[in-house]
N, C-alpha and C. Protein backbone atom coordinates (compact mmCIF):
# COMPACT_ATOMS: atom_id res chain seq x y z
N MET A 1 -21.74 110.09 -214.71
CA MET A 1 -20.77 110.35 -213.65
C MET A 1 -21.50 110.89 -212.43
N LYS A 2 -21.17 110.38 -211.26
CA LYS A 2 -21.83 110.80 -210.03
C LYS A 2 -21.24 112.12 -209.54
N ALA A 3 -22.07 112.92 -208.95
CA ALA A 3 -21.61 114.18 -208.36
C ALA A 3 -20.85 113.88 -207.08
N LEU A 4 -19.79 114.64 -206.84
CA LEU A 4 -19.04 114.48 -205.60
C LEU A 4 -19.82 115.07 -204.44
N PRO A 5 -19.76 114.42 -203.30
CA PRO A 5 -20.38 115.04 -202.12
C PRO A 5 -19.72 116.39 -201.85
N ALA A 6 -20.43 117.29 -201.29
CA ALA A 6 -19.94 118.65 -201.04
C ALA A 6 -18.65 118.66 -200.23
N ALA A 7 -18.53 117.81 -199.23
CA ALA A 7 -17.32 117.79 -198.40
C ALA A 7 -16.11 117.36 -199.22
N ALA A 8 -16.28 116.35 -200.09
CA ALA A 8 -15.17 115.89 -200.92
C ALA A 8 -14.77 116.98 -201.92
N ALA A 9 -15.75 117.64 -202.48
CA ALA A 9 -15.46 118.73 -203.43
C ALA A 9 -14.69 119.84 -202.75
N ALA A 10 -15.04 120.16 -201.51
CA ALA A 10 -14.34 121.21 -200.77
C ALA A 10 -12.90 120.82 -200.50
N LEU A 11 -12.65 119.53 -200.18
CA LEU A 11 -11.28 119.07 -199.92
C LEU A 11 -10.43 119.14 -201.19
N ILE A 12 -11.02 118.79 -202.32
CA ILE A 12 -10.29 118.84 -203.58
C ILE A 12 -9.96 120.28 -203.94
N ALA A 13 -10.89 121.19 -203.74
CA ALA A 13 -10.71 122.60 -204.10
C ALA A 13 -9.80 123.34 -203.12
N ALA A 14 -9.66 122.84 -201.90
CA ALA A 14 -8.91 123.55 -200.86
C ALA A 14 -7.50 123.94 -201.29
N PRO A 15 -6.70 123.04 -201.92
CA PRO A 15 -5.34 123.45 -202.29
C PRO A 15 -5.32 124.59 -203.32
N LEU A 16 -6.39 124.80 -204.04
CA LEU A 16 -6.45 125.85 -205.04
C LEU A 16 -6.89 127.18 -204.47
N ALA A 17 -7.24 127.19 -203.20
CA ALA A 17 -7.74 128.42 -202.58
C ALA A 17 -6.66 129.49 -202.59
N ALA A 18 -7.08 130.71 -202.72
CA ALA A 18 -6.16 131.86 -202.73
C ALA A 18 -5.60 132.10 -201.34
N THR A 19 -4.52 132.88 -201.30
CA THR A 19 -3.94 133.30 -200.03
C THR A 19 -5.00 134.03 -199.23
N PRO A 20 -5.07 133.78 -197.93
CA PRO A 20 -6.07 134.50 -197.13
C PRO A 20 -5.94 136.01 -197.33
N PRO A 21 -7.07 136.74 -197.34
CA PRO A 21 -7.05 138.17 -197.62
C PRO A 21 -6.07 138.97 -196.77
N SER A 22 -5.94 138.63 -195.49
CA SER A 22 -5.04 139.41 -194.64
C SER A 22 -3.59 139.25 -195.10
N ASP A 23 -3.19 138.04 -195.50
CA ASP A 23 -1.84 137.81 -195.99
C ASP A 23 -1.63 138.55 -197.30
N ALA A 24 -2.61 138.47 -198.20
CA ALA A 24 -2.49 139.14 -199.50
C ALA A 24 -2.41 140.65 -199.31
N ALA A 25 -3.21 141.18 -198.42
CA ALA A 25 -3.18 142.63 -198.16
C ALA A 25 -1.84 143.03 -197.56
N ASP A 26 -1.29 142.19 -196.69
CA ASP A 26 0.00 142.47 -196.08
C ASP A 26 1.11 142.46 -197.14
N GLU A 27 1.10 141.48 -198.02
CA GLU A 27 2.11 141.40 -199.08
C GLU A 27 1.99 142.60 -200.02
N THR A 28 0.77 142.97 -200.37
CA THR A 28 0.57 144.13 -201.23
C THR A 28 1.10 145.39 -200.56
N ALA A 29 0.86 145.53 -199.27
CA ALA A 29 1.37 146.69 -198.52
C ALA A 29 2.90 146.69 -198.50
N GLN A 30 3.50 145.51 -198.35
CA GLN A 30 4.97 145.42 -198.34
C GLN A 30 5.54 145.80 -199.71
N VAL A 31 4.92 145.32 -200.78
CA VAL A 31 5.38 145.64 -202.14
C VAL A 31 5.23 147.14 -202.39
N THR A 32 4.12 147.71 -201.98
CA THR A 32 3.89 149.14 -202.15
C THR A 32 4.95 149.93 -201.37
N ALA A 33 5.22 149.53 -200.14
CA ALA A 33 6.23 150.21 -199.33
C ALA A 33 7.61 150.09 -199.97
N ALA A 34 7.94 148.93 -200.52
CA ALA A 34 9.24 148.75 -201.18
C ALA A 34 9.34 149.63 -202.42
N THR A 35 8.25 149.77 -203.15
CA THR A 35 8.24 150.64 -204.34
C THR A 35 8.43 152.09 -203.92
N GLU A 36 7.75 152.51 -202.87
CA GLU A 36 7.90 153.88 -202.39
C GLU A 36 9.33 154.14 -201.89
N ALA A 37 9.93 153.14 -201.24
CA ALA A 37 11.32 153.29 -200.77
C ALA A 37 12.27 153.39 -201.97
N PHE A 38 12.01 152.63 -203.01
CA PHE A 38 12.80 152.70 -204.24
C PHE A 38 12.72 154.11 -204.83
N LEU A 39 11.51 154.66 -204.91
CA LEU A 39 11.33 156.02 -205.45
C LEU A 39 12.03 157.06 -204.58
N GLU A 40 11.95 156.90 -203.26
CA GLU A 40 12.64 157.82 -202.35
C GLU A 40 14.15 157.73 -202.53
N ALA A 41 14.66 156.53 -202.79
CA ALA A 41 16.11 156.35 -202.98
C ALA A 41 16.59 157.10 -204.22
N ILE A 42 15.74 157.20 -205.22
CA ILE A 42 16.10 157.97 -206.43
C ILE A 42 16.36 159.43 -206.04
N GLY A 43 15.58 159.93 -205.09
CA GLY A 43 15.73 161.31 -204.66
C GLY A 43 16.79 161.55 -203.60
N ASN A 44 17.39 160.49 -203.10
CA ASN A 44 18.39 160.63 -202.05
C ASN A 44 19.70 161.16 -202.63
N PRO A 45 20.25 162.22 -202.06
CA PRO A 45 21.52 162.75 -202.57
C PRO A 45 22.68 161.75 -202.45
N ASP A 46 22.56 160.78 -201.54
CA ASP A 46 23.56 159.72 -201.43
C ASP A 46 23.25 158.70 -202.53
N ARG A 47 24.00 158.74 -203.61
CA ARG A 47 23.72 157.91 -204.79
C ARG A 47 23.90 156.42 -204.54
N THR A 48 24.52 156.04 -203.42
CA THR A 48 24.71 154.62 -203.13
C THR A 48 23.44 153.96 -202.60
N VAL A 49 22.49 154.75 -202.12
CA VAL A 49 21.28 154.22 -201.49
C VAL A 49 20.42 153.42 -202.47
N LEU A 50 20.38 153.82 -203.72
CA LEU A 50 19.51 153.16 -204.70
C LEU A 50 19.85 151.68 -204.84
N ALA A 51 21.11 151.32 -204.74
CA ALA A 51 21.54 149.93 -204.90
C ALA A 51 20.87 148.99 -203.90
N ALA A 52 20.52 149.47 -202.73
CA ALA A 52 19.89 148.64 -201.71
C ALA A 52 18.46 148.25 -202.10
N HIS A 53 17.91 148.89 -203.12
CA HIS A 53 16.52 148.67 -203.51
C HIS A 53 16.38 147.94 -204.85
N MET A 54 17.53 147.54 -205.42
CA MET A 54 17.50 146.90 -206.74
C MET A 54 18.35 145.64 -206.73
N ILE A 55 18.03 144.73 -207.64
CA ILE A 55 18.81 143.52 -207.82
C ILE A 55 19.73 143.76 -209.02
N PRO A 56 21.05 143.72 -208.81
CA PRO A 56 21.99 144.10 -209.87
C PRO A 56 21.93 143.22 -211.12
N GLU A 57 21.41 142.00 -211.01
CA GLU A 57 21.31 141.12 -212.17
C GLU A 57 20.13 141.46 -213.07
N GLY A 58 19.30 142.41 -212.65
CA GLY A 58 18.11 142.79 -213.41
C GLY A 58 18.43 143.62 -214.64
N VAL A 59 17.36 143.96 -215.36
CA VAL A 59 17.47 144.76 -216.58
C VAL A 59 16.42 145.86 -216.56
N ILE A 60 16.80 147.02 -217.06
CA ILE A 60 15.88 148.15 -217.21
C ILE A 60 15.64 148.35 -218.70
N PHE A 61 14.38 148.35 -219.10
CA PHE A 61 14.01 148.62 -220.49
C PHE A 61 13.40 150.01 -220.55
N VAL A 62 14.03 150.89 -221.32
CA VAL A 62 13.56 152.26 -221.48
C VAL A 62 12.91 152.37 -222.86
N HIS A 63 11.61 152.60 -222.86
CA HIS A 63 10.86 152.81 -224.10
C HIS A 63 10.91 154.32 -224.35
N ASN A 64 12.02 154.74 -224.95
CA ASN A 64 12.35 156.16 -225.09
C ASN A 64 11.59 156.79 -226.25
N ARG A 65 10.70 157.70 -225.92
CA ARG A 65 9.89 158.43 -226.91
C ARG A 65 10.17 159.93 -226.85
N MET A 66 11.35 160.27 -226.34
CA MET A 66 11.70 161.70 -226.22
C MET A 66 11.72 162.37 -227.58
N ASN A 67 12.14 161.66 -228.61
CA ASN A 67 12.06 162.15 -229.98
C ASN A 67 10.99 161.31 -230.68
N PRO A 68 9.77 161.85 -230.80
CA PRO A 68 8.67 161.06 -231.37
C PRO A 68 8.96 160.54 -232.79
N MET A 69 9.86 161.19 -233.50
CA MET A 69 10.19 160.74 -234.85
C MET A 69 11.20 159.59 -234.84
N ALA A 70 11.81 159.32 -233.70
CA ALA A 70 12.81 158.25 -233.62
C ALA A 70 12.73 157.54 -232.27
N PRO A 71 11.59 156.91 -231.98
CA PRO A 71 11.49 156.19 -230.70
C PRO A 71 12.44 155.00 -230.70
N ARG A 72 12.86 154.63 -229.50
CA ARG A 72 13.76 153.48 -229.40
C ARG A 72 13.54 152.78 -228.06
N ILE A 73 14.03 151.56 -227.99
CA ILE A 73 14.00 150.80 -226.74
C ILE A 73 15.44 150.49 -226.36
N ASP A 74 15.83 150.95 -225.18
CA ASP A 74 17.16 150.71 -224.67
C ASP A 74 17.08 149.70 -223.52
N ALA A 75 17.97 148.71 -223.53
CA ALA A 75 18.06 147.75 -222.43
C ALA A 75 19.35 148.04 -221.67
N VAL A 76 19.19 148.31 -220.37
CA VAL A 76 20.33 148.67 -219.54
C VAL A 76 20.40 147.70 -218.35
N PRO A 77 21.49 146.96 -218.21
CA PRO A 77 21.63 146.12 -217.02
C PRO A 77 21.59 146.98 -215.75
N VAL A 78 20.90 146.52 -214.74
CA VAL A 78 20.79 147.28 -213.49
C VAL A 78 22.18 147.59 -212.92
N ALA A 79 23.10 146.63 -212.97
CA ALA A 79 24.45 146.87 -212.43
C ALA A 79 25.10 148.07 -213.13
N ARG A 80 24.94 148.18 -214.44
CA ARG A 80 25.53 149.32 -215.16
C ARG A 80 24.81 150.61 -214.79
N HIS A 81 23.49 150.55 -214.68
CA HIS A 81 22.72 151.73 -214.28
C HIS A 81 23.18 152.24 -212.92
N LEU A 82 23.40 151.33 -211.98
CA LEU A 82 23.83 151.72 -210.64
C LEU A 82 25.22 152.36 -210.67
N GLU A 83 26.11 151.84 -211.52
CA GLU A 83 27.43 152.44 -211.67
C GLU A 83 27.32 153.87 -212.21
N GLN A 84 26.49 154.04 -213.24
CA GLN A 84 26.29 155.36 -213.84
C GLN A 84 25.60 156.32 -212.86
N TRP A 85 24.70 155.78 -212.06
CA TRP A 85 23.94 156.58 -211.10
C TRP A 85 24.87 157.27 -210.10
N LEU A 86 25.96 156.59 -209.75
CA LEU A 86 26.91 157.16 -208.79
C LEU A 86 27.47 158.50 -209.26
N GLY A 87 27.60 158.70 -210.56
CA GLY A 87 28.17 159.93 -211.10
C GLY A 87 27.14 160.99 -211.49
N ARG A 88 25.86 160.69 -211.29
CA ARG A 88 24.83 161.66 -211.67
C ARG A 88 24.86 162.88 -210.77
N GLN A 89 24.75 164.04 -211.39
CA GLN A 89 24.73 165.30 -210.65
C GLN A 89 23.33 165.89 -210.70
N GLY A 90 22.94 166.56 -209.65
CA GLY A 90 21.63 167.21 -209.60
C GLY A 90 20.74 166.56 -208.57
N ARG A 91 19.55 167.13 -208.47
CA ARG A 91 18.53 166.62 -207.55
C ARG A 91 17.46 165.96 -208.38
N PHE A 92 17.12 164.72 -208.05
CA PHE A 92 16.14 163.95 -208.83
C PHE A 92 14.95 163.59 -207.96
N ILE A 93 13.77 163.68 -208.53
CA ILE A 93 12.54 163.27 -207.85
C ILE A 93 11.71 162.49 -208.86
N GLU A 94 11.30 161.31 -208.46
CA GLU A 94 10.38 160.53 -209.29
C GLU A 94 9.08 160.39 -208.52
N GLN A 95 8.01 160.90 -209.11
CA GLN A 95 6.68 160.84 -208.51
C GLN A 95 5.88 159.81 -209.29
N MET A 96 5.40 158.79 -208.60
CA MET A 96 4.64 157.72 -209.26
C MET A 96 3.30 157.54 -208.57
N THR A 97 2.27 157.39 -209.36
CA THR A 97 0.96 157.02 -208.84
C THR A 97 0.80 155.53 -209.08
N ILE A 98 0.82 154.75 -208.02
CA ILE A 98 0.69 153.31 -208.15
C ILE A 98 -0.77 152.97 -208.42
N THR A 99 -1.04 152.42 -209.59
CA THR A 99 -2.41 152.10 -209.95
C THR A 99 -2.71 150.60 -209.90
N LYS A 100 -1.66 149.77 -209.90
CA LYS A 100 -1.87 148.33 -209.89
C LYS A 100 -0.71 147.65 -209.18
N VAL A 101 -1.04 146.74 -208.25
CA VAL A 101 -0.04 145.91 -207.58
C VAL A 101 -0.53 144.47 -207.66
N LEU A 102 0.28 143.61 -208.24
CA LEU A 102 -0.04 142.18 -208.33
C LEU A 102 1.05 141.42 -207.59
N VAL A 103 0.65 140.47 -206.74
CA VAL A 103 1.61 139.69 -205.96
C VAL A 103 1.26 138.22 -206.10
N ASP A 104 2.28 137.40 -206.36
CA ASP A 104 2.12 135.96 -206.38
C ASP A 104 3.36 135.36 -205.73
N GLY A 105 3.23 135.01 -204.46
CA GLY A 105 4.36 134.44 -203.73
C GLY A 105 5.50 135.43 -203.61
N ASP A 106 6.65 135.09 -204.23
CA ASP A 106 7.83 135.93 -204.10
C ASP A 106 8.05 136.84 -205.30
N MET A 107 7.02 137.02 -206.14
CA MET A 107 7.14 137.96 -207.25
C MET A 107 5.97 138.94 -207.24
N ALA A 108 6.25 140.14 -207.72
CA ALA A 108 5.22 141.18 -207.74
C ALA A 108 5.43 142.07 -208.95
N GLN A 109 4.35 142.72 -209.36
CA GLN A 109 4.37 143.67 -210.46
C GLN A 109 3.68 144.94 -209.98
N VAL A 110 4.32 146.08 -210.22
CA VAL A 110 3.75 147.37 -209.83
C VAL A 110 3.69 148.23 -211.08
N TRP A 111 2.56 148.87 -211.31
CA TRP A 111 2.31 149.62 -212.53
C TRP A 111 1.75 150.98 -212.18
N GLY A 112 2.10 151.99 -212.96
CA GLY A 112 1.48 153.30 -212.77
C GLY A 112 2.22 154.40 -213.50
N PRO A 113 1.55 155.53 -213.68
CA PRO A 113 2.17 156.69 -214.33
C PRO A 113 3.15 157.37 -213.39
N TYR A 114 4.14 158.04 -213.98
CA TYR A 114 5.14 158.74 -213.18
C TYR A 114 5.54 160.04 -213.86
N ARG A 115 6.17 160.90 -213.08
CA ARG A 115 6.81 162.14 -213.55
C ARG A 115 8.20 162.17 -212.96
N PHE A 116 9.19 162.58 -213.77
CA PHE A 116 10.57 162.62 -213.32
C PHE A 116 11.07 164.05 -213.39
N LEU A 117 11.53 164.56 -212.25
CA LEU A 117 12.03 165.92 -212.17
C LEU A 117 13.54 165.92 -211.90
N ARG A 118 14.22 166.81 -212.59
CA ARG A 118 15.65 167.01 -212.35
C ARG A 118 15.82 168.47 -211.99
N ASN A 119 16.40 168.71 -210.81
CA ASN A 119 16.58 170.07 -210.31
C ASN A 119 15.27 170.86 -210.37
N SER A 120 14.20 170.24 -209.91
CA SER A 120 12.86 170.82 -209.82
C SER A 120 12.19 171.10 -211.16
N GLU A 121 12.80 170.68 -212.27
CA GLU A 121 12.18 170.86 -213.59
C GLU A 121 11.77 169.51 -214.14
N LEU A 122 10.59 169.48 -214.76
CA LEU A 122 10.09 168.26 -215.35
C LEU A 122 11.01 167.82 -216.48
N SER A 123 11.57 166.64 -216.36
CA SER A 123 12.47 166.09 -217.37
C SER A 123 11.69 165.22 -218.37
N HIS A 124 10.83 164.35 -217.83
CA HIS A 124 10.03 163.45 -218.66
C HIS A 124 8.96 162.79 -217.79
N CYS A 125 8.10 162.02 -218.44
CA CYS A 125 7.06 161.30 -217.73
C CYS A 125 6.76 160.02 -218.49
N GLY A 126 5.84 159.22 -217.97
CA GLY A 126 5.45 158.00 -218.67
C GLY A 126 4.78 157.02 -217.75
N ILE A 127 4.93 155.75 -218.08
CA ILE A 127 4.36 154.66 -217.31
C ILE A 127 5.49 153.77 -216.81
N ASN A 128 5.47 153.46 -215.52
CA ASN A 128 6.41 152.52 -214.92
C ASN A 128 5.76 151.15 -214.81
N ALA A 129 6.51 150.11 -215.14
CA ALA A 129 6.13 148.72 -214.87
C ALA A 129 7.32 148.10 -214.16
N LEU A 130 7.20 147.91 -212.86
CA LEU A 130 8.30 147.42 -212.05
C LEU A 130 8.03 145.98 -211.62
N SER A 131 9.02 145.12 -211.81
CA SER A 131 8.95 143.75 -211.32
C SER A 131 9.78 143.67 -210.05
N LEU A 132 9.16 143.21 -208.99
CA LEU A 132 9.86 143.08 -207.72
C LEU A 132 9.99 141.61 -207.34
N VAL A 133 11.05 141.30 -206.61
CA VAL A 133 11.32 139.96 -206.12
C VAL A 133 11.48 140.04 -204.61
N LYS A 134 10.88 139.07 -203.91
CA LYS A 134 11.03 139.03 -202.46
C LYS A 134 12.32 138.30 -202.12
N THR A 135 13.23 139.01 -201.46
CA THR A 135 14.51 138.44 -201.07
C THR A 135 14.53 138.26 -199.56
N GLU A 136 15.62 137.71 -199.05
CA GLU A 136 15.75 137.55 -197.59
C GLU A 136 15.70 138.89 -196.87
N SER A 137 16.11 139.96 -197.56
CA SER A 137 16.11 141.29 -196.93
C SER A 137 14.91 142.14 -197.36
N GLY A 138 13.92 141.51 -197.97
CA GLY A 138 12.70 142.23 -198.35
C GLY A 138 12.53 142.33 -199.87
N TRP A 139 11.51 143.07 -200.27
CA TRP A 139 11.18 143.23 -201.69
C TRP A 139 12.16 144.19 -202.35
N LYS A 140 12.63 143.82 -203.56
CA LYS A 140 13.55 144.66 -204.32
C LYS A 140 13.12 144.70 -205.78
N VAL A 141 13.43 145.81 -206.45
CA VAL A 141 13.13 145.94 -207.87
C VAL A 141 14.15 145.09 -208.63
N ALA A 142 13.64 144.13 -209.40
CA ALA A 142 14.50 143.25 -210.19
C ALA A 142 14.62 143.75 -211.62
N ASN A 143 13.50 144.08 -212.20
CA ASN A 143 13.46 144.57 -213.58
C ASN A 143 12.50 145.74 -213.64
N ALA A 144 12.77 146.62 -214.59
CA ALA A 144 11.89 147.78 -214.79
C ALA A 144 11.72 148.01 -216.28
N SER A 145 10.51 148.37 -216.66
CA SER A 145 10.22 148.86 -218.00
C SER A 145 9.48 150.16 -217.81
N PHE A 146 9.87 151.17 -218.58
CA PHE A 146 9.12 152.41 -218.47
C PHE A 146 9.15 153.16 -219.80
N THR A 147 8.05 153.86 -220.04
CA THR A 147 8.01 154.75 -221.19
C THR A 147 8.61 156.07 -220.75
N MET A 148 9.17 156.78 -221.72
CA MET A 148 9.83 158.06 -221.42
C MET A 148 9.34 159.07 -222.45
N GLU A 149 8.42 159.92 -222.02
CA GLU A 149 7.79 160.92 -222.89
C GLU A 149 8.37 162.30 -222.60
N PRO A 150 8.46 163.16 -223.62
CA PRO A 150 8.96 164.52 -223.39
C PRO A 150 7.97 165.33 -222.54
N PRO A 151 8.46 166.36 -221.86
CA PRO A 151 7.60 167.17 -220.98
C PRO A 151 6.34 167.71 -221.67
N THR A 152 6.41 167.97 -222.95
CA THR A 152 5.24 168.49 -223.67
C THR A 152 4.10 167.49 -223.72
N ARG A 153 4.39 166.21 -223.48
CA ARG A 153 3.35 165.17 -223.49
C ARG A 153 2.91 164.80 -222.08
N CYS A 154 3.45 165.48 -221.08
CA CYS A 154 3.12 165.16 -219.69
C CYS A 154 1.93 165.99 -219.24
N PRO A 155 0.97 165.36 -218.56
CA PRO A 155 -0.14 166.14 -218.01
C PRO A 155 0.38 167.16 -217.02
N GLN A 156 -0.19 168.31 -217.02
CA GLN A 156 0.22 169.37 -216.08
C GLN A 156 -0.38 169.14 -214.70
N GLU A 157 -1.59 168.58 -214.67
CA GLU A 157 -2.27 168.33 -213.40
C GLU A 157 -3.05 167.05 -213.47
N GLY A 158 -3.36 166.49 -212.32
CA GLY A 158 -4.29 165.37 -212.25
C GLY A 158 -3.71 164.02 -212.60
N GLY A 159 -2.44 163.87 -212.64
CA GLY A 159 -1.86 162.56 -212.92
C GLY A 159 -0.36 162.65 -212.90
N ALA A 160 0.27 161.51 -212.73
CA ALA A 160 1.72 161.53 -212.63
C ALA A 160 2.40 161.47 -213.98
N GLY A 161 1.77 160.91 -215.00
CA GLY A 161 2.47 160.77 -216.26
C GLY A 161 1.56 160.61 -217.44
N ALA A 162 2.16 160.42 -218.59
CA ALA A 162 1.42 160.23 -219.84
C ALA A 162 0.76 158.85 -219.82
N GLY A 163 -0.11 158.63 -220.76
CA GLY A 163 -0.72 157.33 -220.90
C GLY A 163 -1.98 157.12 -220.07
N GLN A 164 -2.46 158.15 -219.43
CA GLN A 164 -3.66 158.00 -218.61
C GLN A 164 -4.88 158.24 -219.46
């Protein structure tokens, strides 16, 4: 078999080329900003704000390890979570250290440890894995999976959550 001339090989490979770095960096920055806005919405006393950052058809998977002797996985439709969120009382803060952002076109994955505080007290911690979708109004959290560890398993310093 004859080798392809360099110019022909370049033309064949061109459609497989990755998104230019500036575009990829811009998309990653947009996904990161959307994730940070989602986390800020959790802390907003106006409980309706969170809905603007999520897709109601999504699902949240909670890998609940609060009782190490009886771990469980709960699947909660985002629409139901948003309804329940409206009635939540207290001040909530979710601190996440974003360690990985992957973007491919209109889908993204954000990963990292987190700590969840209720009324300034550590409630739980773990790892967040957020799937985002690019919509006409920007990036939104479509699905979420997270581990939920008791405060005794949360690092006191140097990280946002367990699993590091």
